[in-house]
C-alpha cells in the first residue's frame, strides 16, 4: 500500500511540478510513506532534494525529516530539524502533535545511547 502511495506521490510531483500548494504536502506524505516502508535514508534524500529544488521548508516536512534522522540514529540532525520546525510553527501547539512526539523520541533514544 505504501509503495503505491509513493509512486502516486512521485507521479503527482512530476505532473504538478509548478504547483507548490500540491508539492509541499505531497513531499511530506512521500517522506512519511518512505519511513513506513523502512527507507529512512531515501526519505531524507527525497526531502532534501525537493526542499532544495523548490526552495521551501514546512513544519510537516521538517518533522518527518527529524523522525527519519532518528530512524538512522543521527540525533544531531534530528534535533536541528525539530528545532527549525518548532521555530517555524511559533512554539508549542500541544503535547501530542507529531513534532512533540519526535522530541520525546530524540530524548528517549539519546538517553539509551
PDB file of N, CA and C in Angstrom:
ATOM      1  N   UNK A   1       0.819  -1.188   0.000  1.00  0.00           N
ATOM      2  CA  UNK A   1       0.000   0.000   0.000  1.00  0.00           C
ATOM      3  C   UNK A   1       0.867   1.257   0.000  1.00  0.00           C
ATOM      4  N   UNK A   2       1.915   1.289   0.824  1.00  0.00           N
ATOM      5  CA  UNK A   2       2.787   2.463   0.858  1.00  0.00           C
ATOM      6  C   UNK A   2       3.557   2.613  -0.447  1.00  0.00           C
ATOM      7  N   UNK A   3       3.862   1.503  -1.072  1.00  0.00           N
ATOM      8  CA  UNK A   3       4.555   1.560  -2.353  1.00  0.00           C
ATOM      9  C   UNK A   3       3.719   2.276  -3.408  1.00  0.00           C
ATOM     10  N   UNK A   4       2.420   1.994  -3.432  1.00  0.00           N
ATOM     11  CA  UNK A   4       1.525   2.666  -4.367  1.00  0.00           C
ATOM     12  C   UNK A   4       1.430   4.155  -4.038  1.00  0.00           C
ATOM     13  N   UNK A   5       1.334   4.483  -2.759  1.00  0.00           N
ATOM     14  CA  UNK A   5       1.288   5.894  -2.348  1.00  0.00           C
ATOM     15  C   UNK A   5       2.571   6.601  -2.768  1.00  0.00           C
ATOM     16  N   UNK A   6       3.697   5.925  -2.617  1.00  0.00           N
ATOM     17  CA  UNK A   6       4.982   6.504  -3.029  1.00  0.00           C
ATOM     18  C   UNK A   6       4.972   6.803  -4.524  1.00  0.00           C
ATOM     19  N   UNK A   7       4.555   5.828  -5.325  1.00  0.00           N
ATOM     20  CA  UNK A   7       4.547   6.008  -6.776  1.00  0.00           C
ATOM     21  C   UNK A   7       3.584   7.119  -7.193  1.00  0.00           C
ATOM     22  N   UNK A   8       2.429   7.195  -6.557  1.00  0.00           N
ATOM     23  CA  UNK A   8       1.463   8.240  -6.892  1.00  0.00           C
ATOM     24  C   UNK A   8       1.994   9.623  -6.506  1.00  0.00           C
ATOM     25  N   UNK A   9       2.671   9.706  -5.366  1.00  0.00           N
ATOM     26  CA  UNK A   9       3.243  10.987  -4.937  1.00  0.00           C
ATOM     27  C   UNK A   9       4.310  11.449  -5.927  1.00  0.00           C
ATOM     28  N   UNK A  10       5.179  10.547  -6.325  1.00  0.00           N
ATOM     29  CA  UNK A  10       6.236  10.892  -7.280  1.00  0.00           C
ATOM     30  C   UNK A  10       5.619  11.308  -8.618  1.00  0.00           C
ATOM     31  N   UNK A  11       4.611  10.572  -9.065  1.00  0.00           N
ATOM     32  CA  UNK A  11       3.918  10.925 -10.302  1.00  0.00           C
ATOM     33  C   UNK A  11       3.291  12.317 -10.178  1.00  0.00           C
ATOM     34  N   UNK A  12       2.597  12.567  -9.074  1.00  0.00           N
ATOM     35  CA  UNK A  12       1.935  13.853  -8.864  1.00  0.00           C
ATOM     36  C   UNK A  12       2.912  15.014  -8.821  1.00  0.00           C
ATOM     37  N   UNK A  13       4.035  14.814  -8.161  1.00  0.00           N
ATOM     38  CA  UNK A  13       5.044  15.883  -8.091  1.00  0.00           C
ATOM     39  C   UNK A  13       5.553  16.213  -9.495  1.00  0.00           C
ATOM     40  N   UNK A  14       5.749  15.189 -10.311  1.00  0.00           N
ATOM     41  CA  UNK A  14       6.172  15.428 -11.688  1.00  0.00           C
ATOM     42  C   UNK A  14       5.090  16.114 -12.513  1.00  0.00           C
ATOM     43  N   UNK A  15       3.867  15.684 -12.332  1.00  0.00           N
ATOM     44  CA  UNK A  15       2.742  16.226 -13.112  1.00  0.00           C
ATOM     45  C   UNK A  15       2.419  17.664 -12.715  1.00  0.00           C
ATOM     46  N   UNK A  16       2.483  17.960 -11.430  1.00  0.00           N
ATOM     47  CA  UNK A  16       2.116  19.286 -10.927  1.00  0.00           C
ATOM     48  C   UNK A  16       3.339  20.033 -10.396  1.00  0.00           C
ATOM     49  N   UNK A  17       4.436  19.931 -11.142  1.00  0.00           N
ATOM     50  CA  UNK A  17       5.716  20.467 -10.690  1.00  0.00           C
ATOM     51  C   UNK A  17       5.732  21.978 -10.508  1.00  0.00           C
ATOM     52  N   UNK A  18       4.743  22.678 -11.005  1.00  0.00           N
ATOM     53  CA  UNK A  18       4.691  24.131 -10.843  1.00  0.00           C
ATOM     54  C   UNK A  18       3.715  24.577  -9.763  1.00  0.00           C
ATOM     55  N   UNK A  19       3.119  23.634  -9.067  1.00  0.00           N
ATOM     56  CA  UNK A  19       2.105  23.952  -8.065  1.00  0.00           C
ATOM     57  C   UNK A  19       2.628  23.639  -6.660  1.00  0.00           C
ATOM     58  N   UNK A  20       3.215  24.642  -6.011  1.00  0.00           N
ATOM     59  CA  UNK A  20       3.775  24.432  -4.671  1.00  0.00           C
ATOM     60  C   UNK A  20       2.712  24.034  -3.658  1.00  0.00           C
ATOM     61  N   UNK A  21       1.463  24.444  -3.879  1.00  0.00           N
ATOM     62  CA  UNK A  21       0.390  24.042  -2.972  1.00  0.00           C
ATOM     63  C   UNK A  21       0.133  22.542  -3.048  1.00  0.00           C
ATOM     64  N   UNK A  22       0.504  21.910  -4.132  1.00  0.00           N
ATOM     65  CA  UNK A  22       0.434  20.459  -4.254  1.00  0.00           C
ATOM     66  C   UNK A  22       1.713  19.812  -3.747  1.00  0.00           C
ATOM     67  N   UNK A  23       2.838  20.380  -4.112  1.00  0.00           N
ATOM     68  CA  UNK A  23       4.131  19.760  -3.818  1.00  0.00           C
ATOM     69  C   UNK A  23       4.428  19.720  -2.320  1.00  0.00           C
ATOM     70  N   UNK A  24       4.176  20.810  -1.618  1.00  0.00           N
ATOM     71  CA  UNK A  24       4.515  20.853  -0.181  1.00  0.00           C
ATOM     72  C   UNK A  24       3.888  19.703   0.609  1.00  0.00           C
ATOM     73  N   UNK A  25       2.577  19.525   0.579  1.00  0.00           N
ATOM     74  CA  UNK A  25       2.021  18.409   1.360  1.00  0.00           C
ATOM     75  C   UNK A  25       2.375  17.042   0.788  1.00  0.00           C
ATOM     76  N   UNK A  26       2.554  16.967  -0.522  1.00  0.00           N
ATOM     77  CA  UNK A  26       2.860  15.681  -1.148  1.00  0.00           C
ATOM     78  C   UNK A  26       4.248  15.192  -0.761  1.00  0.00           C
ATOM     79  N   UNK A  27       5.207  16.088  -0.663  1.00  0.00           N
ATOM     80  CA  UNK A  27       6.555  15.692  -0.223  1.00  0.00           C
ATOM     81  C   UNK A  27       6.493  15.168   1.218  1.00  0.00           C
ATOM     82  N   UNK A  28       5.698  15.802   2.044  1.00  0.00           N
ATOM     83  CA  UNK A  28       5.541  15.332   3.422  1.00  0.00           C
ATOM     84  C   UNK A  28       4.943  13.922   3.452  1.00  0.00           C
ATOM     85  N   UNK A  29       3.918  13.699   2.642  1.00  0.00           N
ATOM     86  CA  UNK A  29       3.300  12.366   2.555  1.00  0.00           C
ATOM     87  C   UNK A  29       4.317  11.357   2.032  1.00  0.00           C
ATOM     88  N   UNK A  30       5.062  11.750   1.020  1.00  0.00           N
ATOM     89  CA  UNK A  30       6.061  10.859   0.423  1.00  0.00           C
ATOM     90  C   UNK A  30       7.122  10.456   1.436  1.00  0.00           C
ATOM     91  N   UNK A  31       7.635  11.417   2.200  1.00  0.00           N
ATOM     92  CA  UNK A  31       8.671  11.070   3.184  1.00  0.00           C
ATOM     93  C   UNK A  31       8.100  10.167   4.278  1.00  0.00           C
ATOM     94  N   UNK A  32       6.859  10.400   4.661  1.00  0.00           N
ATOM     95  CA  UNK A  32       6.233   9.534   5.669  1.00  0.00           C
ATOM     96  C   UNK A  32       6.059   8.113   5.135  1.00  0.00           C
ATOM     97  N   UNK A  33       5.636   7.993   3.885  1.00  0.00           N
ATOM     98  CA  UNK A  33       5.497   6.664   3.269  1.00  0.00           C
ATOM     99  C   UNK A  33       6.824   5.925   3.243  1.00  0.00           C
ATOM    100  N   UNK A  34       7.860   6.632   2.838  1.00  0.00           N
ATOM    101  CA  UNK A  34       9.184   6.005   2.781  1.00  0.00           C
ATOM    102  C   UNK A  34       9.636   5.532   4.151  1.00  0.00           C
ATOM    103  N   UNK A  35       9.382   6.330   5.178  1.00  0.00           N
ATOM    104  CA  UNK A  35       9.750   5.915   6.532  1.00  0.00           C
ATOM    105  C   UNK A  35       8.971   4.666   6.932  1.00  0.00           C
ATOM    106  N   UNK A  36       7.680   4.645   6.621  1.00  0.00           N
ATOM    107  CA  UNK A  36       6.843   3.490   6.967  1.00  0.00           C
ATOM    108  C   UNK A  36       7.236   2.247   6.177  1.00  0.00           C
ATOM    109  N   UNK A  37       7.882   2.442   5.036  1.00  0.00           N
ATOM    110  CA  UNK A  37       8.384   1.324   4.241  1.00  0.00           C
ATOM    111  C   UNK A  37       9.759   0.864   4.728  1.00  0.00           C
ATOM    112  N   UNK A  38      10.285   1.528   5.770  1.00  0.00           N
ATOM    113  CA  UNK A  38      11.600   1.168   6.294  1.00  0.00           C
ATOM    114  C   UNK A  38      12.741   1.745   5.486  1.00  0.00           C
ATOM    115  N   UNK A  39      12.489   2.888   4.820  1.00  0.00           N
ATOM    116  CA  UNK A  39      13.501   3.513   3.980  1.00  0.00           C
ATOM    117  C   UNK A  39      13.774   4.949   4.434  1.00  0.00           C
ATOM    118  N   UNK A  40      14.280   5.109   5.669  1.00  0.00           N
ATOM    119  CA  UNK A  40      14.505   6.467   6.168  1.00  0.00           C
ATOM    120  C   UNK A  40      15.567   7.236   5.378  1.00  0.00           C
ATOM    121  N   UNK A  41      16.585   6.561   4.893  1.00  0.00           N
ATOM    122  CA  UNK A  41      17.623   7.256   4.124  1.00  0.00           C
ATOM    123  C   UNK A  41      17.052   7.817   2.826  1.00  0.00           C
ATOM    124  N   UNK A  42      16.165   7.067   2.198  1.00  0.00           N
ATOM    125  CA  UNK A  42      15.517   7.556   0.979  1.00  0.00           C
ATOM    126  C   UNK A  42      14.583   8.723   1.310  1.00  0.00           C
ATOM    127  N   UNK A  43      13.917   8.657   2.453  1.00  0.00           N
ATOM    128  CA  UNK A  43      13.047   9.758   2.887  1.00  0.00           C
ATOM    129  C   UNK A  43      13.863  11.040   3.071  1.00  0.00           C
ATOM    130  N   UNK A  44      15.024  10.908   3.673  1.00  0.00           N
ATOM    131  CA  UNK A  44      15.911  12.063   3.880  1.00  0.00           C
ATOM    132  C   UNK A  44      16.346  12.631   2.534  1.00  0.00           C
ATOM    133  N   UNK A  45      16.776  11.749   1.649  1.00  0.00           N
ATOM    134  CA  UNK A  45      17.240  12.168   0.324  1.00  0.00           C
ATOM    135  C   UNK A  45      16.132  12.910  -0.436  1.00  0.00           C
ATOM    136  N   UNK A  46      14.929  12.378  -0.421  1.00  0.00           N
ATOM    137  CA  UNK A  46      13.787  12.990  -1.119  1.00  0.00           C
ATOM    138  C   UNK A  46      13.446  14.347  -0.517  1.00  0.00           C
ATOM    139  N   UNK A  47      13.370  14.410   0.812  1.00  0.00           N
ATOM    140  CA  UNK A  47      13.015  15.672   1.475  1.00  0.00           C
ATOM    141  C   UNK A  47      14.020  16.763   1.130  1.00  0.00           C
ATOM    142  N   UNK A  48      15.289  16.443   1.236  1.00  0.00           N
ATOM    143  CA  UNK A  48      16.331  17.430   0.936  1.00  0.00           C
ATOM    144  C   UNK A  48      16.285  17.832  -0.538  1.00  0.00           C
ATOM    145  N   UNK A  49      16.103  16.850  -1.414  1.00  0.00           N
ATOM    146  CA  UNK A  49      16.046  17.123  -2.850  1.00  0.00           C
ATOM    147  C   UNK A  49      14.960  18.149  -3.171  1.00  0.00           C
ATOM    148  N   UNK A  50      13.756  17.909  -2.678  1.00  0.00           N
ATOM    149  CA  UNK A  50      12.655  18.796  -3.043  1.00  0.00           C
ATOM    150  C   UNK A  50      12.689  20.119  -2.292  1.00  0.00           C
ATOM    151  N   UNK A  51      13.180  20.127  -1.062  1.00  0.00           N
ATOM    152  CA  UNK A  51      13.307  21.404  -0.357  1.00  0.00           C
ATOM    153  C   UNK A  51      14.311  22.296  -1.079  1.00  0.00           C
ATOM    154  N   UNK A  52      15.381  21.707  -1.582  1.00  0.00           N
ATOM    155  CA  UNK A  52      16.371  22.489  -2.341  1.00  0.00           C
ATOM    156  C   UNK A  52      15.828  22.901  -3.699  1.00  0.00           C
ATOM    157  N   UNK A  53      15.225  21.961  -4.408  1.00  0.00           N
ATOM    158  CA  UNK A  53      14.736  22.223  -5.755  1.00  0.00           C
ATOM    159  C   UNK A  53      13.704  23.347  -5.768  1.00  0.00           C
ATOM    160  N   UNK A  54      12.790  23.335  -4.801  1.00  0.00           N
ATOM    161  CA  UNK A  54      11.709  24.313  -4.778  1.00  0.00           C
ATOM    162  C   UNK A  54      11.913  25.412  -3.741  1.00  0.00           C
ATOM    163  N   UNK A  55      13.044  25.366  -3.046  1.00  0.00           N
ATOM    164  CA  UNK A  55      13.401  26.398  -2.074  1.00  0.00           C
ATOM    165  C   UNK A  55      12.302  26.664  -1.041  1.00  0.00           C
ATOM    166  N   UNK A  56      11.911  25.623  -0.318  1.00  0.00           N
ATOM    167  CA  UNK A  56      10.932  25.782   0.747  1.00  0.00           C
ATOM    168  C   UNK A  56      11.208  24.781   1.858  1.00  0.00           C
ATOM    169  N   UNK A  57      10.680  25.097   3.018  1.00  0.00           N
ATOM    170  CA  UNK A  57      10.679  24.197   4.173  1.00  0.00           C
ATOM    171  C   UNK A  57       9.314  24.330   4.813  1.00  0.00           C
ATOM    172  N   UNK A  58       8.767  23.218   5.290  1.00  0.00           N
ATOM    173  CA  UNK A  58       7.499  23.255   6.002  1.00  0.00           C
ATOM    174  C   UNK A  58       7.646  22.488   7.307  1.00  0.00           C
ATOM    175  N   UNK A  59       6.803  22.801   8.249  1.00  0.00           N
ATOM    176  CA  UNK A  59       6.831  22.103   9.534  1.00  0.00           C
ATOM    177  C   UNK A  59       6.608  20.597   9.345  1.00  0.00           C
ATOM    178  N   UNK A  60       5.610  20.161   8.550  1.00  0.00           N
ATOM    179  CA  UNK A  60       5.432  18.714   8.384  1.00  0.00           C
ATOM    180  C   UNK A  60       6.633  18.014   7.752  1.00  0.00           C
ATOM    181  N   UNK A  61       7.251  18.640   6.752  1.00  0.00           N
ATOM    182  CA  UNK A  61       8.415  18.002   6.117  1.00  0.00           C
ATOM    183  C   UNK A  61       9.583  17.953   7.091  1.00  0.00           C
ATOM    184  N   UNK A  62       9.836  19.031   7.802  1.00  0.00           N
ATOM    185  CA  UNK A  62      10.932  19.044   8.774  1.00  0.00           C
ATOM    186  C   UNK A  62      10.693  18.051   9.900  1.00  0.00           C
ATOM    187  N   UNK A  63       9.436  17.889  10.298  1.00  0.00           N
ATOM    188  CA  UNK A  63       9.106  16.922  11.349  1.00  0.00           C
ATOM    189  C   UNK A  63       9.358  15.503  10.858  1.00  0.00           C
ATOM    190  N   UNK A  64       8.922  15.210   9.640  1.00  0.00           N
ATOM    191  CA  UNK A  64       9.170  13.894   9.052  1.00  0.00           C
ATOM    192  C   UNK A  64      10.663  13.666   8.859  1.00  0.00           C
ATOM    193  N   UNK A  65      11.370  14.699   8.450  1.00  0.00           N
ATOM    194  CA  UNK A  65      12.823  14.611   8.276  1.00  0.00           C
ATOM    195  C   UNK A  65      13.507  14.340   9.616  1.00  0.00           C
ATOM    196  N   UNK A  66      13.071  15.015  10.664  1.00  0.00           N
ATOM    197  CA  UNK A  66      13.636  14.778  12.000  1.00  0.00           C
ATOM    198  C   UNK A  66      13.409  13.330  12.419  1.00  0.00           C
ATOM    199  N   UNK A  67      12.215  12.806  12.162  1.00  0.00           N
ATOM    200  CA  UNK A  67      11.923  11.411  12.514  1.00  0.00           C
ATOM    201  C   UNK A  67      12.788  10.450  11.692  1.00  0.00           C
ATOM    202  N   UNK A  68      12.999  10.773  10.421  1.00  0.00           N
ATOM    203  CA  UNK A  68      13.856   9.920   9.581  1.00  0.00           C
ATOM    204  C   UNK A  68      15.284   9.918  10.104  1.00  0.00           C
ATOM    205  N   UNK A  69      15.773  11.082  10.540  1.00  0.00           N
ATOM    206  CA  UNK A  69      17.111  11.122  11.131  1.00  0.00           C
ATOM    207  C   UNK A  69      17.165  10.288  12.413  1.00  0.00           C
ATOM    208  N   UNK A  70      16.078  10.285  13.185  1.00  0.00           N
ATOM    209  CA  UNK A  70      16.026   9.401  14.365  1.00  0.00           C
ATOM    210  C   UNK A  70      16.130   7.942  13.926  1.00  0.00           C
ATOM    211  N   UNK A  71      15.441   7.616  12.843  1.00  0.00           N
ATOM    212  CA  UNK A  71      15.461   6.232  12.352  1.00  0.00           C
ATOM    213  C   UNK A  71      16.876   5.748  12.069  1.00  0.00           C
ATOM    214  N   UNK A  72      17.730   6.666  11.610  1.00  0.00           N
ATOM    215  CA  UNK A  72      19.110   6.259  11.308  1.00  0.00           C
ATOM    216  C   UNK A  72      20.071   6.639  12.440  1.00  0.00           C
ATOM    217  N   UNK A  73      19.499   7.042  13.563  1.00  0.00           N
ATOM    218  CA  UNK A  73      20.252   7.348  14.791  1.00  0.00           C
ATOM    219  C   UNK A  73      21.156   8.579  14.669  1.00  0.00           C
ATOM    220  N   UNK A  74      20.778   9.522  13.807  1.00  0.00           N
ATOM    221  CA  UNK A  74      21.512  10.778  13.664  1.00  0.00           C
ATOM    222  C   UNK A  74      20.749  11.847  14.447  1.00  0.00           C
ATOM    223  N   UNK A  75      20.953  11.848  15.753  1.00  0.00           N
ATOM    224  CA  UNK A  75      20.165  12.704  16.640  1.00  0.00           C
ATOM    225  C   UNK A  75      20.553  14.175  16.550  1.00  0.00           C
ATOM    226  N   UNK A  76      21.769  14.474  16.161  1.00  0.00           N
ATOM    227  CA  UNK A  76      22.159  15.878  15.995  1.00  0.00           C
ATOM    228  C   UNK A  76      21.365  16.529  14.864  1.00  0.00           C
ATOM    229  N   UNK A  77      21.264  15.839  13.737  1.00  0.00           N
ATOM    230  CA  UNK A  77      20.469  16.389  12.628  1.00  0.00           C
ATOM    231  C   UNK A  77      18.977  16.354  12.964  1.00  0.00           C
ATOM    232  N   UNK A  78      18.556  15.338  13.679  1.00  0.00           N
ATOM    233  CA  UNK A  78      17.142  15.250  14.068  1.00  0.00           C
ATOM    234  C   UNK A  78      16.739  16.456  14.910  1.00  0.00           C
ATOM    235  N   UNK A  79      17.551  16.806  15.882  1.00  0.00           N
ATOM    236  CA  UNK A  79      17.211  17.937  16.747  1.00  0.00           C
ATOM    237  C   UNK A  79      17.262  19.251  15.977  1.00  0.00           C
ATOM    238  N   UNK A  80      18.184  19.378  15.025  1.00  0.00           N
ATOM    239  CA  UNK A  80      18.235  20.600  14.209  1.00  0.00           C
ATOM    240  C   UNK A  80      16.948  20.770  13.403  1.00  0.00           C
ATOM    241  N   UNK A  81      16.487  19.699  12.792  1.00  0.00           N
ATOM    242  CA  UNK A  81      15.236  19.767  12.021  1.00  0.00           C
ATOM    243  C   UNK A  81      14.047  20.041  12.937  1.00  0.00           C
ATOM    244  N   UNK A  82      14.019  19.373  14.079  1.00  0.00           N
ATOM    245  CA  UNK A  82      12.920  19.576  15.019  1.00  0.00           C
ATOM    246  C   UNK A  82      12.903  21.009  15.539  1.00  0.00           C
ATOM    247  N   UNK A  83      14.060  21.541  15.849  1.00  0.00           N
ATOM    248  CA  UNK A  83      14.132  22.924  16.343  1.00  0.00           C
ATOM    249  C   UNK A  83      13.678  23.927  15.284  1.00  0.00           C
ATOM    250  N   UNK A  84      14.050  23.691  14.039  1.00  0.00           N
ATOM    251  CA  UNK A  84      13.618  24.581  12.962  1.00  0.00           C
ATOM    252  C   UNK A  84      12.099  24.492  12.782  1.00  0.00           C
ATOM    253  N   UNK A  85      11.559  23.292  12.812  1.00  0.00           N
ATOM    254  CA  UNK A  85      10.106  23.120  12.700  1.00  0.00           C
ATOM    255  C   UNK A  85       9.394  23.816  13.856  1.00  0.00           C
ATOM    256  N   UNK A  86       9.943  23.672  15.052  1.00  0.00           N
ATOM    257  CA  UNK A  86       9.365  24.307  16.246  1.00  0.00           C
ATOM    258  C   UNK A  86       9.342  25.828  16.090  1.00  0.00           C
ATOM    259  N   UNK A  87      10.447  26.391  15.621  1.00  0.00           N
ATOM    260  CA  UNK A  87      10.526  27.845  15.420  1.00  0.00           C
ATOM    261  C   UNK A  87       9.543  28.291  14.346  1.00  0.00           C
ATOM    262  N   UNK A  88       9.414  27.518  13.281  1.00  0.00           N
ATOM    263  CA  UNK A  88       8.511  27.881  12.195  1.00  0.00           C
ATOM    264  C   UNK A  88       7.049  27.854  12.624  1.00  0.00           C
ATOM    265  N   UNK A  89       6.709  26.943  13.528  1.00  0.00           N
ATOM    266  CA  UNK A  89       5.309  26.872  13.961  1.00  0.00           C
ATOM    267  C   UNK A  89       5.017  27.839  15.100  1.00  0.00           C
ATOM    268  N   UNK A  90       6.021  28.577  15.528  1.00  0.00           N
ATOM    269  CA  UNK A  90       5.800  29.607  16.541  1.00  0.00           C
ATOM    270  C   UNK A  90       5.762  29.079  17.960  1.00  0.00           C
ATOM    271  N   UNK A  91       6.432  27.972  18.195  1.00  0.00           N
ATOM    272  CA  UNK A  91       6.460  27.419  19.556  1.00  0.00           C
ATOM    273  C   UNK A  91       5.464  26.284  19.712  1.00  0.00           C
ATOM    274  N   UNK A  92       5.164  25.984  20.951  1.00  0.00           N
ATOM    275  CA  UNK A  92       4.333  24.829  21.276  1.00  0.00           C
ATOM    276  C   UNK A  92       2.915  24.935  20.753  1.00  0.00           C
ATOM    277  N   UNK A  93       2.384  23.816  20.279  1.00  0.00           N
ATOM    278  CA  UNK A  93       0.999  23.759  19.815  1.00  0.00           C
ATOM    279  C   UNK A  93       0.285  22.553  20.412  1.00  0.00           C
ATOM    280  N   UNK A  94       0.758  22.082  21.532  1.00  0.00           N
ATOM    281  CA  UNK A  94       0.137  20.915  22.141  1.00  0.00           C
ATOM    282  C   UNK A  94       1.159  19.838  22.408  1.00  0.00           C
ATOM    283  N   UNK A  95       0.828  18.974  23.324  1.00  0.00           N
ATOM    284  CA  UNK A  95       1.802  17.978  23.734  1.00  0.00           C
ATOM    285  C   UNK A  95       1.703  16.676  22.958  1.00  0.00           C
ATOM    286  N   UNK A  96       0.727  16.516  22.082  1.00  0.00           N
ATOM    287  CA  UNK A  96       0.597  15.262  21.343  1.00  0.00           C
ATOM    288  C   UNK A  96       0.679  15.451  19.834  1.00  0.00           C
ATOM    289  N   UNK A  97       1.227  16.563  19.390  1.00  0.00           N
ATOM    290  CA  UNK A  97       1.388  16.692  17.943  1.00  0.00           C
ATOM    291  C   UNK A  97       2.624  15.905  17.512  1.00  0.00           C
ATOM    292  N   UNK A  98       2.772  15.722  16.212  1.00  0.00           N
ATOM    293  CA  UNK A  98       3.877  14.909  15.691  1.00  0.00           C
ATOM    294  C   UNK A  98       5.241  15.433  16.123  1.00  0.00           C
ATOM    295  N   UNK A  99       5.414  16.751  16.106  1.00  0.00           N
ATOM    296  CA  UNK A  99       6.705  17.319  16.470  1.00  0.00           C
ATOM    297  C   UNK A  99       7.051  17.019  17.926  1.00  0.00           C
ATOM    298  N   UNK A 100       6.088  17.141  18.815  1.00  0.00           N
ATOM    299  CA  UNK A 100       6.378  16.850  20.224  1.00  0.00           C
ATOM    300  C   UNK A 100       6.741  15.381  20.411  1.00  0.00           C
ATOM    301  N   UNK A 101       6.129  14.513  19.613  1.00  0.00           N
ATOM    302  CA  UNK A 101       6.465  13.090  19.693  1.00  0.00           C
ATOM    303  C   UNK A 101       7.881  12.828  19.191  1.00  0.00           C
ATOM    304  N   UNK A 102       8.319  13.571  18.192  1.00  0.00           N
ATOM    305  CA  UNK A 102       9.694  13.438  17.706  1.00  0.00           C
ATOM    306  C   UNK A 102      10.674  13.896  18.786  1.00  0.00           C
ATOM    307  N   UNK A 103      10.369  15.026  19.435  1.00  0.00           N
ATOM    308  CA  UNK A 103      11.236  15.487  20.531  1.00  0.00           C
ATOM    309  C   UNK A 103      11.341  14.423  21.627  1.00  0.00           C
ATOM    310  N   UNK A 104      10.229  13.816  21.992  1.00  0.00           N
ATOM    311  CA  UNK A 104      10.252  12.770  23.026  1.00  0.00           C
ATOM    312  C   UNK A 104      11.086  11.580  22.565  1.00  0.00           C
ATOM    313  N   UNK A 105      10.957  11.238  21.297  1.00  0.00           N
ATOM    314  CA  UNK A 105      11.732  10.117  20.767  1.00  0.00           C
ATOM    315  C   UNK A 105      13.225  10.419  20.793  1.00  0.00           C
ATOM    316  N   UNK A 106      13.598  11.621  20.382  1.00  0.00           N
ATOM    317  CA  UNK A 106      15.013  12.008  20.393  1.00  0.00           C
ATOM    318  C   UNK A 106      15.567  11.889  21.803  1.00  0.00           C
ATOM    319  N   UNK A 107      14.849  12.453  22.760  1.00  0.00           N
ATOM    320  CA  UNK A 107      15.313  12.421  24.152  1.00  0.00           C
ATOM    321  C   UNK A 107      15.439  10.989  24.663  1.00  0.00           C
ATOM    322  N   UNK A 108      14.421  10.183  24.413  1.00  0.00           N
ATOM    323  CA  UNK A 108      14.439   8.793  24.882  1.00  0.00           C
ATOM    324  C   UNK A 108      15.581   8.003  24.262  1.00  0.00           C
ATOM    325  N   UNK A 109      15.743   8.103  22.956  1.00  0.00           N
ATOM    326  CA  UNK A 109      16.747   7.296  22.272  1.00  0.00           C
ATOM    327  C   UNK A 109      18.157   7.795  22.553  1.00  0.00           C
ATOM    328  N   UNK A 110      18.338   9.104  22.728  1.00  0.00           N
ATOM    329  CA  UNK A 110      19.673   9.619  23.083  1.00  0.00           C
ATOM    330  C   UNK A 110      20.070   9.147  24.467  1.00  0.00           C
ATOM    331  N   UNK A 111      19.095   9.053  25.369  1.00  0.00           N
ATOM    332  CA  UNK A 111      19.384   8.577  26.726  1.00  0.00           C
ATOM    333  C   UNK A 111      19.786   7.114  26.737  1.00  0.00           C
ATOM    334  N   UNK A 112      19.347   6.347  25.739  1.00  0.00           N
ATOM    335  CA  UNK A 112      19.671   4.927  25.674  1.00  0.00           C
ATOM    336  C   UNK A 112      21.066   4.664  25.105  1.00  0.00           C
ATOM    337  N   UNK A 113      21.638   5.684  24.460  1.00  0.00           N
ATOM    338  CA  UNK A 113      22.962   5.513  23.839  1.00  0.00           C
ATOM    339  C   UNK A 113      24.035   5.244  24.856  1.00  0.00           C
TER     340      UNK A 113
END
